[in-house]
N, C-alpha and C. Protein backbone atom coordinates (compact mmCIF):
# COMPACT_ATOMS: atom_id res chain seq x y z
N ALA A 1 0.83 -1.19 0.00
CA ALA A 1 0.00 0.00 0.00
C ALA A 1 0.88 1.25 0.00
N GLY A 2 2.00 1.24 0.76
CA GLY A 2 2.88 2.41 0.82
C GLY A 2 3.58 2.66 -0.50
N ALA A 3 3.99 1.57 -1.18
CA ALA A 3 4.68 1.73 -2.46
C ALA A 3 3.72 2.24 -3.52
N ALA A 4 2.48 1.83 -3.43
CA ALA A 4 1.50 2.27 -4.42
C ALA A 4 1.22 3.77 -4.25
N ARG A 5 1.26 4.23 -3.01
CA ARG A 5 1.01 5.65 -2.77
C ARG A 5 2.16 6.51 -3.28
N ARG A 6 3.38 5.97 -3.16
CA ARG A 6 4.55 6.73 -3.58
C ARG A 6 4.69 6.81 -5.09
N ARG A 7 4.13 5.84 -5.78
CA ARG A 7 4.25 5.82 -7.22
C ARG A 7 3.46 6.96 -7.84
N LYS A 8 4.04 7.66 -8.82
CA LYS A 8 3.35 8.77 -9.46
C LYS A 8 2.29 8.24 -10.40
N ARG A 9 1.26 9.05 -10.56
CA ARG A 9 0.21 8.66 -11.49
C ARG A 9 0.70 8.79 -12.91
N ALA A 10 0.18 8.01 -13.77
CA ALA A 10 0.57 8.05 -15.18
C ALA A 10 0.03 9.33 -15.80
N PRO A 11 0.82 10.00 -16.65
CA PRO A 11 0.35 11.23 -17.27
C PRO A 11 -0.87 10.95 -18.15
N GLU A 12 -1.88 11.82 -18.00
CA GLU A 12 -3.09 11.64 -18.78
C GLU A 12 -2.84 12.08 -20.21
N PRO A 13 -3.50 11.44 -21.14
CA PRO A 13 -3.31 11.87 -22.53
C PRO A 13 -3.92 13.25 -22.71
N GLY A 14 -3.22 14.10 -23.39
CA GLY A 14 -3.70 15.46 -23.60
C GLY A 14 -2.61 16.28 -24.25
N ARG A 15 -2.64 17.54 -24.02
CA ARG A 15 -1.69 18.46 -24.64
C ARG A 15 -0.33 18.32 -23.97
N ASN A 16 0.71 18.23 -24.79
CA ASN A 16 2.07 18.20 -24.27
C ASN A 16 2.52 19.63 -24.03
N LYS A 17 2.86 19.95 -22.78
CA LYS A 17 3.18 21.33 -22.44
C LYS A 17 4.58 21.73 -22.88
N ALA A 18 5.36 20.80 -23.32
CA ALA A 18 6.71 21.12 -23.75
C ALA A 18 6.72 21.70 -25.16
N THR A 19 5.64 21.55 -25.90
CA THR A 19 5.62 22.05 -27.28
C THR A 19 5.12 23.48 -27.32
N VAL A 20 5.40 24.16 -28.41
CA VAL A 20 5.02 25.55 -28.60
C VAL A 20 3.72 25.64 -29.39
N LYS A 21 3.23 24.54 -29.83
CA LYS A 21 2.04 24.52 -30.68
C LYS A 21 0.84 25.10 -29.91
N GLY A 22 0.14 26.04 -30.54
CA GLY A 22 -1.04 26.63 -29.94
C GLY A 22 -0.77 27.82 -29.05
N ARG A 23 0.48 28.16 -28.81
CA ARG A 23 0.79 29.31 -27.96
C ARG A 23 0.84 30.59 -28.78
N VAL A 24 0.41 31.69 -28.15
CA VAL A 24 0.49 32.99 -28.81
C VAL A 24 1.78 33.65 -28.32
N VAL A 25 2.61 34.05 -29.25
CA VAL A 25 3.87 34.69 -28.88
C VAL A 25 3.60 36.16 -28.62
N LYS A 26 3.97 36.59 -27.41
CA LYS A 26 3.74 37.99 -27.03
C LYS A 26 5.00 38.79 -27.34
N SER A 27 4.79 39.96 -27.86
CA SER A 27 5.92 40.83 -28.15
C SER A 27 6.38 41.48 -26.85
N ALA A 28 7.66 41.48 -26.63
CA ALA A 28 8.21 42.08 -25.41
C ALA A 28 7.97 43.58 -25.39
N ILE A 29 8.01 44.20 -26.56
CA ILE A 29 7.79 45.65 -26.64
C ILE A 29 6.35 45.98 -26.28
N GLU A 30 5.40 45.19 -26.78
CA GLU A 30 3.99 45.43 -26.46
C GLU A 30 3.75 45.26 -24.96
N GLU A 31 4.35 44.25 -24.36
CA GLU A 31 4.20 44.03 -22.91
C GLU A 31 4.78 45.20 -22.12
N TYR A 32 5.91 45.72 -22.60
CA TYR A 32 6.54 46.86 -21.92
C TYR A 32 5.63 48.08 -21.99
N HIS A 33 5.07 48.34 -23.16
CA HIS A 33 4.20 49.51 -23.30
C HIS A 33 2.92 49.36 -22.49
N LYS A 34 2.43 48.13 -22.34
CA LYS A 34 1.23 47.91 -21.54
C LYS A 34 1.49 48.23 -20.07
N LYS A 35 2.65 47.81 -19.58
CA LYS A 35 2.95 47.94 -18.15
C LYS A 35 3.69 49.22 -17.80
N LYS A 36 3.98 50.06 -18.80
CA LYS A 36 4.72 51.29 -18.54
C LYS A 36 3.85 52.24 -17.71
N PRO A 37 4.40 52.85 -16.64
CA PRO A 37 3.58 53.76 -15.84
C PRO A 37 3.21 55.01 -16.65
N VAL A 38 2.00 55.51 -16.39
CA VAL A 38 1.51 56.69 -17.11
C VAL A 38 1.66 57.89 -16.20
N ASN A 39 2.15 59.00 -16.77
CA ASN A 39 2.33 60.22 -16.00
C ASN A 39 1.07 61.07 -16.13
N HIS A 40 0.38 61.27 -14.99
CA HIS A 40 -0.86 62.03 -15.00
C HIS A 40 -0.66 63.46 -14.49
N LEU A 41 0.58 63.93 -14.47
CA LEU A 41 0.88 65.23 -13.88
C LEU A 41 0.13 66.36 -14.58
N ARG A 42 0.15 66.37 -15.92
CA ARG A 42 -0.47 67.49 -16.64
C ARG A 42 -1.97 67.54 -16.38
N GLU A 43 -2.65 66.39 -16.45
CA GLU A 43 -4.09 66.38 -16.20
C GLU A 43 -4.40 66.79 -14.77
N ASN A 44 -3.59 66.31 -13.83
CA ASN A 44 -3.82 66.66 -12.43
C ASN A 44 -3.63 68.16 -12.18
N LEU A 45 -2.61 68.74 -12.82
CA LEU A 45 -2.38 70.17 -12.66
C LEU A 45 -3.54 70.98 -13.24
N GLN A 46 -4.02 70.57 -14.40
CA GLN A 46 -5.16 71.29 -15.00
C GLN A 46 -6.39 71.18 -14.10
N TYR A 47 -6.61 70.01 -13.55
CA TYR A 47 -7.76 69.82 -12.66
C TYR A 47 -7.64 70.69 -11.41
N MET A 48 -6.43 70.73 -10.83
CA MET A 48 -6.25 71.49 -9.61
C MET A 48 -6.34 73.00 -9.86
N LEU A 49 -5.85 73.45 -11.02
CA LEU A 49 -5.83 74.88 -11.29
C LEU A 49 -7.18 75.41 -11.76
N LYS A 50 -8.05 74.56 -12.28
CA LYS A 50 -9.32 75.09 -12.80
C LYS A 50 -10.28 75.43 -11.67
N GLY A 51 -10.16 74.78 -10.53
CA GLY A 51 -11.07 75.06 -9.41
C GLY A 51 -10.48 76.09 -8.48
N ARG A 52 -11.01 77.30 -8.48
CA ARG A 52 -10.49 78.37 -7.63
C ARG A 52 -11.49 78.76 -6.53
N VAL A 53 -12.41 77.89 -6.19
CA VAL A 53 -13.41 78.19 -5.18
C VAL A 53 -12.80 77.99 -3.80
N VAL A 54 -12.92 79.02 -2.97
CA VAL A 54 -12.39 78.94 -1.61
C VAL A 54 -13.57 78.90 -0.65
N ALA A 55 -13.56 77.93 0.24
CA ALA A 55 -14.66 77.78 1.18
C ALA A 55 -14.59 78.86 2.26
N ASP A 56 -15.74 79.09 2.91
CA ASP A 56 -15.79 80.08 3.99
C ASP A 56 -14.91 79.62 5.14
N LYS A 57 -14.41 80.59 5.88
CA LYS A 57 -13.55 80.26 7.02
C LYS A 57 -14.31 79.46 8.07
N ALA A 58 -15.58 79.78 8.28
CA ALA A 58 -16.38 79.08 9.28
C ALA A 58 -16.56 77.61 8.88
N VAL A 59 -16.77 77.37 7.59
CA VAL A 59 -16.97 76.00 7.11
C VAL A 59 -15.68 75.20 7.26
N THR A 60 -14.56 75.79 6.90
CA THR A 60 -13.28 75.07 7.03
C THR A 60 -12.98 74.77 8.49
N GLU A 61 -13.27 75.72 9.38
CA GLU A 61 -13.04 75.47 10.81
C GLU A 61 -13.91 74.34 11.32
N GLN A 62 -15.17 74.29 10.84
CA GLN A 62 -16.08 73.24 11.27
C GLN A 62 -15.59 71.87 10.80
N VAL A 63 -15.12 71.80 9.55
CA VAL A 63 -14.62 70.53 9.02
C VAL A 63 -13.38 70.09 9.78
N LEU A 64 -12.48 71.02 10.06
CA LEU A 64 -11.28 70.68 10.81
C LEU A 64 -11.63 70.22 12.22
N ALA A 65 -12.62 70.84 12.82
CA ALA A 65 -13.03 70.45 14.17
C ALA A 65 -13.62 69.04 14.17
N GLN A 66 -14.35 68.69 13.12
CA GLN A 66 -14.95 67.36 13.04
C GLN A 66 -13.89 66.30 12.84
N ASN A 67 -12.82 66.62 12.10
CA ASN A 67 -11.79 65.63 11.81
C ASN A 67 -10.75 65.51 12.91
N ARG A 68 -10.83 66.38 13.89
CA ARG A 68 -9.86 66.34 14.97
C ARG A 68 -10.17 65.18 15.91
N GLY A 69 -9.14 64.54 16.37
CA GLY A 69 -9.34 63.44 17.31
C GLY A 69 -9.57 63.95 18.72
N ARG A 70 -9.79 63.00 19.64
CA ARG A 70 -10.04 63.37 21.03
C ARG A 70 -8.76 63.41 21.85
N LYS A 71 -7.68 62.89 21.29
CA LYS A 71 -6.43 62.86 22.05
C LYS A 71 -5.85 64.27 22.14
N SER A 72 -5.04 64.47 23.16
CA SER A 72 -4.48 65.80 23.36
C SER A 72 -3.51 66.17 22.25
N LYS A 73 -2.87 65.16 21.64
CA LYS A 73 -1.92 65.48 20.57
C LYS A 73 -2.64 65.96 19.32
N ASP A 74 -3.94 65.63 19.18
CA ASP A 74 -4.70 66.07 18.02
C ASP A 74 -5.30 67.46 18.19
N GLN A 75 -5.31 67.96 19.42
CA GLN A 75 -5.91 69.26 19.68
C GLN A 75 -4.90 70.37 19.39
N PRO A 76 -5.37 71.46 18.81
CA PRO A 76 -4.42 72.58 18.58
C PRO A 76 -4.08 73.25 19.91
N PRO A 77 -2.91 73.82 20.00
CA PRO A 77 -2.55 74.48 21.26
C PRO A 77 -3.45 75.69 21.50
N GLU A 78 -3.85 75.86 22.74
CA GLU A 78 -4.72 76.99 23.07
C GLU A 78 -3.89 78.26 23.08
N LYS A 79 -4.47 79.29 22.48
CA LYS A 79 -3.76 80.57 22.43
C LYS A 79 -4.05 81.34 23.70
N THR A 80 -2.99 81.65 24.43
CA THR A 80 -3.15 82.43 25.66
C THR A 80 -2.66 83.84 25.39
N GLU A 81 -3.42 84.79 25.85
CA GLU A 81 -3.04 86.18 25.65
C GLU A 81 -1.93 86.53 26.65
N LYS A 82 -0.94 87.21 26.14
CA LYS A 82 0.16 87.60 27.01
C LYS A 82 -0.26 88.78 27.87
N LYS A 83 0.05 88.66 29.15
CA LYS A 83 -0.29 89.74 30.06
C LYS A 83 0.78 90.82 29.95
N LYS A 84 0.30 92.04 29.87
CA LYS A 84 1.24 93.16 29.80
C LYS A 84 1.76 93.43 31.21
N PRO A 85 3.02 93.77 31.30
CA PRO A 85 3.54 94.08 32.64
C PRO A 85 2.83 95.32 33.19
N GLU A 86 2.38 95.16 34.42
CA GLU A 86 1.64 96.26 35.03
C GLU A 86 2.58 97.38 35.43
N GLY A 87 2.26 98.53 35.01
CA GLY A 87 3.06 99.70 35.37
C GLY A 87 2.58 100.28 36.69
N THR A 88 3.48 100.93 37.38
CA THR A 88 3.10 101.51 38.67
C THR A 88 2.62 102.94 38.46
N VAL A 89 1.77 103.37 39.37
CA VAL A 89 1.24 104.72 39.29
C VAL A 89 2.22 105.69 39.95
N PHE A 90 3.02 105.15 40.87
CA PHE A 90 3.94 106.00 41.62
C PHE A 90 5.24 106.19 40.87
N THR A 91 5.82 107.34 41.04
CA THR A 91 7.12 107.64 40.42
C THR A 91 8.22 107.41 41.45
N GLU A 92 9.42 107.58 41.00
CA GLU A 92 10.58 107.36 41.88
C GLU A 92 10.60 108.37 43.01
N GLU A 93 10.18 109.60 42.73
CA GLU A 93 10.16 110.63 43.78
C GLU A 93 9.12 110.31 44.85
N ASP A 94 7.99 109.71 44.44
CA ASP A 94 6.97 109.33 45.43
C ASP A 94 7.52 108.27 46.38
N PHE A 95 8.31 107.32 45.87
CA PHE A 95 8.92 106.30 46.73
C PHE A 95 9.91 106.92 47.70
N ARG A 96 10.72 107.87 47.23
CA ARG A 96 11.69 108.53 48.11
C ARG A 96 10.98 109.30 49.22
N LYS A 97 9.91 109.97 48.85
CA LYS A 97 9.13 110.73 49.83
C LYS A 97 8.53 109.78 50.88
N PHE A 98 8.04 108.61 50.41
CA PHE A 98 7.47 107.63 51.33
C PHE A 98 8.54 107.10 52.28
N GLU A 99 9.73 106.82 51.72
CA GLU A 99 10.84 106.33 52.58
C GLU A 99 11.17 107.35 53.66
N ARG A 100 11.22 108.63 53.27
CA ARG A 100 11.56 109.65 54.25
C ARG A 100 10.52 109.74 55.35
N GLU A 101 9.25 109.64 54.95
CA GLU A 101 8.17 109.78 55.92
C GLU A 101 8.08 108.52 56.81
N TYR A 102 8.23 107.34 56.24
CA TYR A 102 7.99 106.12 56.97
C TYR A 102 9.19 105.68 57.80
N PHE A 103 10.36 105.71 57.14
CA PHE A 103 11.57 105.23 57.85
C PHE A 103 12.32 106.37 58.53
N GLY A 104 12.05 107.58 58.14
CA GLY A 104 12.74 108.72 58.75
C GLY A 104 14.12 108.88 58.18
N ILE A 105 14.38 108.41 56.97
CA ILE A 105 15.70 108.56 56.34
C ILE A 105 15.71 109.89 55.60
N PRO A 106 16.76 110.71 55.82
CA PRO A 106 16.81 112.03 55.18
C PRO A 106 17.11 112.00 53.70
């Protein structure tokens, strides 16, 4: 039983694959032209340049907000207004006068 399993089956009568009969010879040049990549740059540029419609700022902001994720890295940084340094109402002479009155320094 083991020897029978190891024996190869007899080839069935049919087409001999070693012959060239019935095959269509493909031209290498035709195959190259079929598979050659096509450059779509010119058509893409014309398509991009013909549309000059700009969406409203509110609409673009809404779309960007919808596409933003919930993670902190997806959120834009919050803009904080810089605080201006507070100026004093008193002048240098007012401070000297206060020192003289309070500490008694001449």
